[in-house]
N, C-alpha and C. Protein backbone atom coordinates (compact mmCIF):
# COMPACT_ATOMS: atom_id res chain seq x y z
N MET A 1 5.38 19.06 -15.83
CA MET A 1 6.04 17.85 -15.37
C MET A 1 5.26 16.63 -15.86
N ALA A 2 5.96 15.68 -16.46
CA ALA A 2 5.31 14.47 -16.98
C ALA A 2 4.85 13.58 -15.83
N LYS A 3 3.70 12.98 -16.01
CA LYS A 3 3.16 12.09 -14.99
C LYS A 3 3.72 10.68 -15.18
N ASP A 4 3.85 9.96 -14.07
CA ASP A 4 4.26 8.55 -14.13
C ASP A 4 3.12 7.73 -14.71
N HIS A 5 3.49 6.61 -15.31
CA HIS A 5 2.50 5.66 -15.83
C HIS A 5 2.51 4.41 -14.95
N SER A 6 1.32 3.91 -14.68
CA SER A 6 1.13 2.70 -13.90
C SER A 6 0.18 1.80 -14.67
N SER A 7 0.48 0.50 -14.72
CA SER A 7 -0.39 -0.45 -15.42
C SER A 7 -0.71 -1.62 -14.51
N GLY A 8 -1.92 -2.16 -14.68
CA GLY A 8 -2.34 -3.26 -13.83
C GLY A 8 -3.27 -4.23 -14.52
N LEU A 9 -3.52 -5.33 -13.83
CA LEU A 9 -4.35 -6.41 -14.35
C LEU A 9 -5.45 -6.74 -13.34
N LEU A 10 -6.69 -6.57 -13.77
CA LEU A 10 -7.85 -6.86 -12.95
C LEU A 10 -8.39 -8.23 -13.34
N LEU A 11 -8.13 -9.21 -12.50
CA LEU A 11 -8.62 -10.56 -12.75
C LEU A 11 -10.09 -10.63 -12.33
N TYR A 12 -10.90 -11.31 -13.12
CA TYR A 12 -12.31 -11.45 -12.78
C TYR A 12 -12.77 -12.89 -13.03
N ARG A 13 -13.87 -13.23 -12.39
CA ARG A 13 -14.47 -14.55 -12.56
C ARG A 13 -15.95 -14.47 -12.24
N ALA A 14 -16.67 -15.51 -12.62
CA ALA A 14 -18.09 -15.60 -12.26
C ALA A 14 -18.19 -16.33 -10.92
N ALA A 15 -18.89 -15.72 -9.97
CA ALA A 15 -19.13 -16.34 -8.68
C ALA A 15 -20.20 -17.41 -8.85
N PRO A 16 -20.34 -18.33 -7.89
CA PRO A 16 -21.39 -19.35 -7.98
C PRO A 16 -22.79 -18.74 -8.17
N SER A 17 -22.99 -17.54 -7.66
CA SER A 17 -24.28 -16.85 -7.80
C SER A 17 -24.49 -16.31 -9.21
N GLY A 18 -23.41 -16.30 -10.00
CA GLY A 18 -23.48 -15.73 -11.33
C GLY A 18 -22.98 -14.29 -11.39
N ASP A 19 -22.78 -13.66 -10.22
CA ASP A 19 -22.25 -12.30 -10.17
C ASP A 19 -20.77 -12.30 -10.55
N VAL A 20 -20.27 -11.15 -10.93
CA VAL A 20 -18.85 -11.00 -11.26
C VAL A 20 -18.08 -10.67 -9.99
N GLU A 21 -16.96 -11.38 -9.81
CA GLU A 21 -16.04 -11.09 -8.71
C GLU A 21 -14.71 -10.64 -9.30
N VAL A 22 -14.01 -9.79 -8.57
CA VAL A 22 -12.70 -9.30 -8.99
C VAL A 22 -11.66 -9.58 -7.91
N LEU A 23 -10.42 -9.79 -8.34
CA LEU A 23 -9.33 -10.03 -7.41
C LEU A 23 -8.65 -8.70 -7.11
N ILE A 24 -8.62 -8.34 -5.83
CA ILE A 24 -8.00 -7.09 -5.42
C ILE A 24 -7.04 -7.36 -4.26
N GLY A 25 -6.12 -6.43 -4.05
CA GLY A 25 -5.13 -6.58 -2.99
C GLY A 25 -5.21 -5.44 -2.00
N HIS A 26 -5.08 -5.77 -0.73
CA HIS A 26 -5.07 -4.75 0.33
C HIS A 26 -3.68 -4.14 0.38
N MET A 27 -3.60 -2.82 0.28
CA MET A 27 -2.31 -2.14 0.25
C MET A 27 -1.58 -2.30 1.58
N GLY A 28 -0.31 -2.66 1.47
CA GLY A 28 0.51 -2.88 2.65
C GLY A 28 1.09 -1.59 3.20
N GLY A 29 1.75 -1.72 4.32
CA GLY A 29 2.38 -0.56 4.95
C GLY A 29 1.52 0.03 6.04
N PRO A 30 2.10 0.91 6.81
CA PRO A 30 1.41 1.43 8.00
C PRO A 30 0.21 2.33 7.70
N PHE A 31 0.17 2.98 6.55
CA PHE A 31 -0.93 3.90 6.26
C PHE A 31 -2.26 3.18 6.02
N PHE A 32 -2.20 1.92 5.61
CA PHE A 32 -3.42 1.19 5.24
C PHE A 32 -3.71 0.02 6.16
N SER A 33 -2.92 -0.18 7.21
CA SER A 33 -3.03 -1.39 8.03
C SER A 33 -4.42 -1.60 8.62
N ASN A 34 -5.12 -0.55 8.99
CA ASN A 34 -6.45 -0.71 9.59
C ASN A 34 -7.55 -0.16 8.69
N LYS A 35 -7.27 -0.01 7.42
CA LYS A 35 -8.21 0.61 6.50
C LYS A 35 -8.82 -0.44 5.58
N THR A 36 -10.15 -0.53 5.58
CA THR A 36 -10.84 -1.42 4.66
C THR A 36 -11.37 -0.63 3.47
N ASP A 37 -12.21 0.37 3.74
CA ASP A 37 -12.72 1.21 2.65
C ASP A 37 -11.57 2.02 2.07
N ARG A 38 -11.43 1.93 0.75
CA ARG A 38 -10.42 2.65 -0.03
C ARG A 38 -9.00 2.22 0.29
N GLY A 39 -8.84 1.07 0.95
CA GLY A 39 -7.51 0.55 1.27
C GLY A 39 -7.06 -0.59 0.37
N TRP A 40 -7.81 -0.85 -0.69
CA TRP A 40 -7.53 -1.95 -1.60
C TRP A 40 -7.17 -1.40 -2.97
N SER A 41 -6.50 -2.23 -3.77
CA SER A 41 -6.04 -1.79 -5.08
C SER A 41 -6.10 -2.94 -6.09
N ILE A 42 -6.23 -2.57 -7.34
CA ILE A 42 -6.01 -3.52 -8.43
C ILE A 42 -4.50 -3.76 -8.47
N PRO A 43 -4.02 -5.00 -8.63
CA PRO A 43 -2.58 -5.22 -8.73
C PRO A 43 -2.01 -4.42 -9.91
N LYS A 44 -1.13 -3.49 -9.59
CA LYS A 44 -0.58 -2.59 -10.61
C LYS A 44 0.73 -2.01 -10.11
N GLY A 45 1.43 -1.35 -11.02
CA GLY A 45 2.67 -0.72 -10.62
C GLY A 45 3.22 0.18 -11.70
N LEU A 46 4.25 0.91 -11.33
CA LEU A 46 4.84 1.91 -12.22
C LEU A 46 5.67 1.28 -13.32
N HIS A 47 5.67 1.95 -14.46
CA HIS A 47 6.54 1.58 -15.56
C HIS A 47 7.97 1.95 -15.20
N ASP A 48 8.92 1.11 -15.58
CA ASP A 48 10.32 1.45 -15.45
C ASP A 48 10.69 2.40 -16.58
N ASP A 49 11.79 3.10 -16.44
CA ASP A 49 12.24 4.02 -17.50
C ASP A 49 12.29 3.30 -18.84
N GLY A 50 11.71 3.91 -19.84
CA GLY A 50 11.75 3.36 -21.19
C GLY A 50 10.64 2.39 -21.52
N GLU A 51 9.88 1.93 -20.53
CA GLU A 51 8.79 0.99 -20.80
C GLU A 51 7.58 1.77 -21.32
N VAL A 52 7.10 1.39 -22.49
CA VAL A 52 5.94 2.06 -23.06
C VAL A 52 4.76 1.12 -23.27
N GLU A 53 5.01 -0.17 -23.34
CA GLU A 53 3.94 -1.16 -23.52
C GLU A 53 3.28 -1.44 -22.17
N HIS A 54 1.97 -1.27 -22.10
CA HIS A 54 1.26 -1.39 -20.82
C HIS A 54 1.04 -2.84 -20.37
N LEU A 55 0.66 -3.73 -21.27
CA LEU A 55 0.32 -5.10 -20.85
C LEU A 55 1.50 -5.84 -20.22
N PRO A 56 2.71 -5.78 -20.78
CA PRO A 56 3.82 -6.46 -20.09
C PRO A 56 4.08 -5.92 -18.68
N VAL A 57 3.91 -4.62 -18.50
CA VAL A 57 4.08 -4.03 -17.16
C VAL A 57 2.98 -4.55 -16.24
N ALA A 58 1.74 -4.58 -16.74
CA ALA A 58 0.62 -5.08 -15.93
C ALA A 58 0.85 -6.52 -15.49
N GLU A 59 1.34 -7.36 -16.40
CA GLU A 59 1.60 -8.76 -16.06
C GLU A 59 2.75 -8.90 -15.07
N ARG A 60 3.82 -8.11 -15.25
CA ARG A 60 4.94 -8.15 -14.31
C ARG A 60 4.50 -7.72 -12.92
N GLU A 61 3.74 -6.63 -12.86
CA GLU A 61 3.30 -6.11 -11.56
C GLU A 61 2.34 -7.07 -10.86
N PHE A 62 1.48 -7.75 -11.63
CA PHE A 62 0.60 -8.75 -11.04
C PHE A 62 1.46 -9.82 -10.36
N ALA A 63 2.45 -10.34 -11.09
CA ALA A 63 3.31 -11.40 -10.54
C ALA A 63 4.06 -10.92 -9.30
N GLU A 64 4.55 -9.68 -9.31
CA GLU A 64 5.27 -9.16 -8.16
C GLU A 64 4.36 -8.99 -6.95
N GLU A 65 3.15 -8.50 -7.17
CA GLU A 65 2.26 -8.21 -6.05
C GLU A 65 1.47 -9.42 -5.57
N MET A 66 1.29 -10.42 -6.43
CA MET A 66 0.53 -11.61 -6.04
C MET A 66 1.41 -12.83 -5.80
N GLY A 67 2.67 -12.75 -6.20
CA GLY A 67 3.60 -13.84 -5.91
C GLY A 67 3.67 -14.92 -6.95
N SER A 68 2.88 -14.83 -7.99
CA SER A 68 2.95 -15.78 -9.11
C SER A 68 2.29 -15.13 -10.32
N PRO A 69 2.62 -15.66 -11.50
CA PRO A 69 2.06 -15.05 -12.72
C PRO A 69 0.54 -15.12 -12.77
N ALA A 70 -0.02 -14.18 -13.51
CA ALA A 70 -1.47 -14.19 -13.74
C ALA A 70 -1.82 -15.38 -14.62
N PRO A 71 -3.04 -15.89 -14.50
CA PRO A 71 -3.46 -16.95 -15.40
C PRO A 71 -3.38 -16.47 -16.85
N VAL A 72 -3.07 -17.40 -17.74
CA VAL A 72 -3.01 -17.08 -19.17
C VAL A 72 -4.42 -16.88 -19.68
N GLY A 73 -4.59 -15.91 -20.55
CA GLY A 73 -5.90 -15.66 -21.13
C GLY A 73 -5.92 -14.38 -21.92
N GLU A 74 -7.06 -14.13 -22.53
CA GLU A 74 -7.23 -12.91 -23.32
C GLU A 74 -7.31 -11.71 -22.38
N SER A 75 -6.62 -10.65 -22.75
CA SER A 75 -6.65 -9.41 -21.97
C SER A 75 -7.54 -8.39 -22.67
N ILE A 76 -8.34 -7.72 -21.87
CA ILE A 76 -9.24 -6.69 -22.37
C ILE A 76 -8.77 -5.35 -21.79
N GLU A 77 -8.40 -4.41 -22.66
CA GLU A 77 -7.97 -3.11 -22.15
C GLU A 77 -9.18 -2.32 -21.67
N LEU A 78 -9.11 -1.84 -20.42
CA LEU A 78 -10.19 -1.06 -19.83
C LEU A 78 -9.90 0.43 -19.87
N GLY A 79 -8.83 0.82 -20.54
CA GLY A 79 -8.51 2.22 -20.69
C GLY A 79 -7.68 2.76 -19.54
N SER A 80 -7.64 4.08 -19.45
CA SER A 80 -6.80 4.76 -18.47
C SER A 80 -7.61 5.76 -17.65
N VAL A 81 -7.09 6.06 -16.48
CA VAL A 81 -7.62 7.10 -15.61
C VAL A 81 -6.44 7.95 -15.19
N GLU A 82 -6.62 9.25 -15.20
CA GLU A 82 -5.56 10.16 -14.80
C GLU A 82 -5.84 10.69 -13.40
N THR A 83 -4.86 10.54 -12.52
CA THR A 83 -4.95 11.09 -11.17
C THR A 83 -4.04 12.32 -11.11
N SER A 84 -3.94 12.92 -9.95
CA SER A 84 -3.08 14.10 -9.81
C SER A 84 -1.60 13.75 -9.98
N ARG A 85 -1.25 12.48 -9.74
CA ARG A 85 0.17 12.09 -9.79
C ARG A 85 0.54 11.17 -10.93
N LYS A 86 -0.43 10.40 -11.48
CA LYS A 86 -0.06 9.42 -12.50
C LYS A 86 -1.22 9.08 -13.41
N ILE A 87 -0.90 8.34 -14.44
CA ILE A 87 -1.89 7.81 -15.37
C ILE A 87 -1.91 6.30 -15.18
N ILE A 88 -3.10 5.76 -14.87
CA ILE A 88 -3.26 4.34 -14.59
C ILE A 88 -3.98 3.69 -15.76
N THR A 89 -3.39 2.62 -16.32
CA THR A 89 -4.01 1.84 -17.39
C THR A 89 -4.25 0.43 -16.86
N ILE A 90 -5.47 -0.06 -17.04
CA ILE A 90 -5.84 -1.38 -16.50
C ILE A 90 -6.35 -2.29 -17.61
N PHE A 91 -5.96 -3.55 -17.51
CA PHE A 91 -6.46 -4.62 -18.37
C PHE A 91 -7.26 -5.58 -17.50
N ALA A 92 -8.26 -6.22 -18.08
CA ALA A 92 -9.03 -7.24 -17.38
C ALA A 92 -8.74 -8.58 -18.01
N ARG A 93 -8.82 -9.63 -17.21
CA ARG A 93 -8.62 -10.99 -17.71
C ARG A 93 -9.44 -11.95 -16.85
N CYS A 94 -10.16 -12.83 -17.50
CA CYS A 94 -10.92 -13.86 -16.79
C CYS A 94 -9.96 -14.96 -16.36
N GLY A 95 -10.08 -15.39 -15.11
CA GLY A 95 -9.22 -16.47 -14.65
C GLY A 95 -9.37 -16.72 -13.17
N GLU A 96 -8.79 -17.81 -12.73
CA GLU A 96 -8.82 -18.21 -11.33
C GLU A 96 -7.45 -17.94 -10.71
N PHE A 97 -7.46 -17.62 -9.42
CA PHE A 97 -6.23 -17.37 -8.68
C PHE A 97 -6.52 -17.62 -7.21
N ASP A 98 -5.60 -18.29 -6.53
CA ASP A 98 -5.76 -18.57 -5.10
C ASP A 98 -5.34 -17.33 -4.30
N ALA A 99 -6.32 -16.53 -3.91
CA ALA A 99 -6.05 -15.28 -3.20
C ALA A 99 -5.31 -15.52 -1.89
N GLU A 100 -5.60 -16.61 -1.23
CA GLU A 100 -4.96 -16.89 0.07
C GLU A 100 -3.48 -17.21 -0.08
N ALA A 101 -3.05 -17.59 -1.28
CA ALA A 101 -1.64 -17.93 -1.51
C ALA A 101 -0.82 -16.72 -1.97
N ALA A 102 -1.44 -15.57 -2.09
CA ALA A 102 -0.73 -14.38 -2.57
C ALA A 102 0.38 -13.97 -1.60
N VAL A 103 1.56 -13.72 -2.16
CA VAL A 103 2.71 -13.27 -1.39
C VAL A 103 3.37 -12.15 -2.19
N SER A 104 3.31 -10.94 -1.67
CA SER A 104 3.76 -9.77 -2.41
C SER A 104 5.25 -9.48 -2.22
N ASN A 105 5.78 -8.73 -3.18
CA ASN A 105 7.11 -8.15 -3.00
C ASN A 105 7.01 -7.09 -1.90
N THR A 106 8.14 -6.51 -1.53
CA THR A 106 8.15 -5.56 -0.41
C THR A 106 8.77 -4.22 -0.82
N PHE A 107 8.58 -3.24 0.03
CA PHE A 107 9.23 -1.93 -0.12
C PHE A 107 9.76 -1.51 1.25
N VAL A 108 10.71 -0.60 1.24
CA VAL A 108 11.32 -0.12 2.48
C VAL A 108 11.00 1.36 2.63
N MET A 109 10.63 1.75 3.85
CA MET A 109 10.38 3.16 4.13
C MET A 109 10.75 3.46 5.58
N GLU A 110 10.98 4.73 5.86
CA GLU A 110 11.26 5.16 7.23
C GLU A 110 9.94 5.10 8.01
N TRP A 111 9.95 4.34 9.10
CA TRP A 111 8.76 4.25 9.94
C TRP A 111 9.16 3.94 11.36
N PRO A 112 8.63 4.66 12.32
CA PRO A 112 7.77 5.83 12.17
C PRO A 112 8.53 6.98 11.50
N LYS A 113 7.75 7.83 10.84
CA LYS A 113 8.32 8.96 10.11
C LYS A 113 9.14 9.81 11.07
N GLY A 114 10.35 10.15 10.63
CA GLY A 114 11.24 10.97 11.44
C GLY A 114 12.08 10.20 12.44
N SER A 115 11.88 8.87 12.51
CA SER A 115 12.60 8.06 13.49
C SER A 115 13.99 7.66 13.02
N GLY A 116 14.22 7.71 11.70
CA GLY A 116 15.48 7.23 11.16
C GLY A 116 15.53 5.72 11.02
N LYS A 117 14.47 5.04 11.42
CA LYS A 117 14.41 3.57 11.36
C LYS A 117 13.74 3.14 10.05
N MET A 118 14.43 2.33 9.28
CA MET A 118 13.89 1.83 8.02
C MET A 118 13.22 0.48 8.28
N GLN A 119 12.00 0.34 7.75
CA GLN A 119 11.26 -0.91 7.91
C GLN A 119 10.79 -1.40 6.55
N GLU A 120 10.63 -2.70 6.44
CA GLU A 120 10.18 -3.34 5.20
C GLU A 120 8.72 -3.73 5.34
N PHE A 121 7.93 -3.45 4.29
CA PHE A 121 6.50 -3.77 4.27
C PHE A 121 6.14 -4.42 2.94
N PRO A 122 5.14 -5.31 2.94
CA PRO A 122 4.67 -5.86 1.66
C PRO A 122 3.87 -4.79 0.90
N GLU A 123 4.00 -4.79 -0.44
CA GLU A 123 3.19 -3.86 -1.22
C GLU A 123 1.71 -4.19 -1.08
N ILE A 124 1.41 -5.48 -1.06
CA ILE A 124 0.05 -5.98 -0.85
C ILE A 124 0.13 -6.95 0.32
N ASP A 125 -0.63 -6.70 1.39
CA ASP A 125 -0.50 -7.59 2.56
C ASP A 125 -1.50 -8.74 2.55
N ARG A 126 -2.50 -8.68 1.67
CA ARG A 126 -3.42 -9.80 1.48
C ARG A 126 -4.22 -9.53 0.21
N ALA A 127 -4.75 -10.60 -0.34
CA ALA A 127 -5.58 -10.49 -1.54
C ALA A 127 -6.91 -11.17 -1.28
N ALA A 128 -7.92 -10.77 -2.04
CA ALA A 128 -9.25 -11.35 -1.85
C ALA A 128 -10.07 -11.19 -3.12
N TRP A 129 -10.99 -12.11 -3.30
CA TRP A 129 -12.01 -11.97 -4.34
C TRP A 129 -13.16 -11.19 -3.72
N ALA A 130 -13.67 -10.22 -4.44
CA ALA A 130 -14.79 -9.41 -3.95
C ALA A 130 -15.79 -9.21 -5.07
N SER A 131 -17.05 -9.12 -4.69
CA SER A 131 -18.06 -8.79 -5.69
C SER A 131 -17.77 -7.38 -6.19
N VAL A 132 -18.24 -7.06 -7.38
CA VAL A 132 -18.04 -5.72 -7.91
C VAL A 132 -18.65 -4.69 -6.98
N ASP A 133 -19.83 -4.99 -6.42
CA ASP A 133 -20.48 -4.04 -5.50
C ASP A 133 -19.61 -3.79 -4.26
N ASP A 134 -19.05 -4.84 -3.67
CA ASP A 134 -18.19 -4.66 -2.51
C ASP A 134 -16.90 -3.93 -2.89
N ALA A 135 -16.35 -4.26 -4.04
CA ALA A 135 -15.09 -3.64 -4.48
C ALA A 135 -15.25 -2.13 -4.67
N ARG A 136 -16.45 -1.67 -4.98
CA ARG A 136 -16.66 -0.23 -5.18
C ARG A 136 -16.26 0.59 -3.96
N SER A 137 -16.51 0.08 -2.76
CA SER A 137 -16.14 0.83 -1.55
C SER A 137 -14.75 0.46 -1.04
N MET A 138 -14.24 -0.68 -1.48
CA MET A 138 -12.94 -1.13 -1.01
C MET A 138 -11.78 -0.50 -1.79
N LEU A 139 -11.93 -0.38 -3.10
CA LEU A 139 -10.85 0.11 -3.96
C LEU A 139 -10.56 1.59 -3.74
N ALA A 140 -9.32 1.97 -3.99
CA ALA A 140 -8.98 3.39 -4.04
C ALA A 140 -9.93 4.05 -5.03
N LYS A 141 -10.41 5.22 -4.69
CA LYS A 141 -11.47 5.88 -5.46
C LYS A 141 -11.14 6.02 -6.94
N SER A 142 -9.88 6.31 -7.26
CA SER A 142 -9.49 6.51 -8.66
C SER A 142 -9.61 5.23 -9.49
N GLN A 143 -9.70 4.07 -8.85
CA GLN A 143 -9.76 2.79 -9.57
C GLN A 143 -11.18 2.29 -9.79
N VAL A 144 -12.15 2.87 -9.13
CA VAL A 144 -13.54 2.43 -9.24
C VAL A 144 -14.08 2.48 -10.68
N PRO A 145 -13.73 3.48 -11.50
CA PRO A 145 -14.24 3.49 -12.87
C PRO A 145 -13.92 2.23 -13.67
N PHE A 146 -12.84 1.55 -13.32
CA PHE A 146 -12.50 0.33 -14.04
C PHE A 146 -13.52 -0.79 -13.79
N LEU A 147 -14.19 -0.77 -12.65
CA LEU A 147 -15.24 -1.76 -12.39
C LEU A 147 -16.40 -1.55 -13.36
N ASP A 148 -16.80 -0.30 -13.54
CA ASP A 148 -17.90 -0.01 -14.48
C ASP A 148 -17.51 -0.39 -15.90
N ARG A 149 -16.28 -0.10 -16.26
CA ARG A 149 -15.81 -0.44 -17.61
C ARG A 149 -15.80 -1.95 -17.82
N LEU A 150 -15.40 -2.70 -16.79
CA LEU A 150 -15.43 -4.16 -16.88
C LEU A 150 -16.85 -4.65 -17.10
N LEU A 151 -17.79 -4.15 -16.31
CA LEU A 151 -19.18 -4.59 -16.46
C LEU A 151 -19.75 -4.22 -17.83
N GLU A 152 -19.36 -3.08 -18.37
CA GLU A 152 -19.81 -2.68 -19.71
C GLU A 152 -19.30 -3.66 -20.76
N VAL A 153 -18.04 -4.05 -20.65
CA VAL A 153 -17.43 -4.98 -21.62
C VAL A 153 -18.11 -6.36 -21.52
N LEU A 154 -18.44 -6.78 -20.32
CA LEU A 154 -19.03 -8.11 -20.11
C LEU A 154 -20.52 -8.17 -20.44
N ALA A 155 -21.18 -7.01 -20.53
CA ALA A 155 -22.64 -6.98 -20.77
C ALA A 155 -22.99 -7.46 -22.16
């Protein structure tokens, strides 16, 4: 069975301390509502049928999950990671973004499970800038390698 493809954009900037910070989003919905560790994600999403170019998908998904387009700039491909369900490709881009202004698109799911009641949830319920060290424990485990790849490219 072919795996789904997901592409995303990891925005980064230099903090006043000189450390690298990354923009990440807290996953919405009931499963992640009280979860800090491993409850965050790089803004990303699935390719639609027929989409093969990763960067346009990454830019579209950033805009959908953050509520506005990513800042214009050079994109650096950080490669892909394969999980049990999909292949994730991430690009990095230096830029500024107002995390507090992020407003995500939504999804609908049955909640509570088995209730027959459909509820709407944001894909990302909040966004934040985090140091790379903090992001290591916040991000979904499969996305952590992209932090190391970013630091390697910036070194």
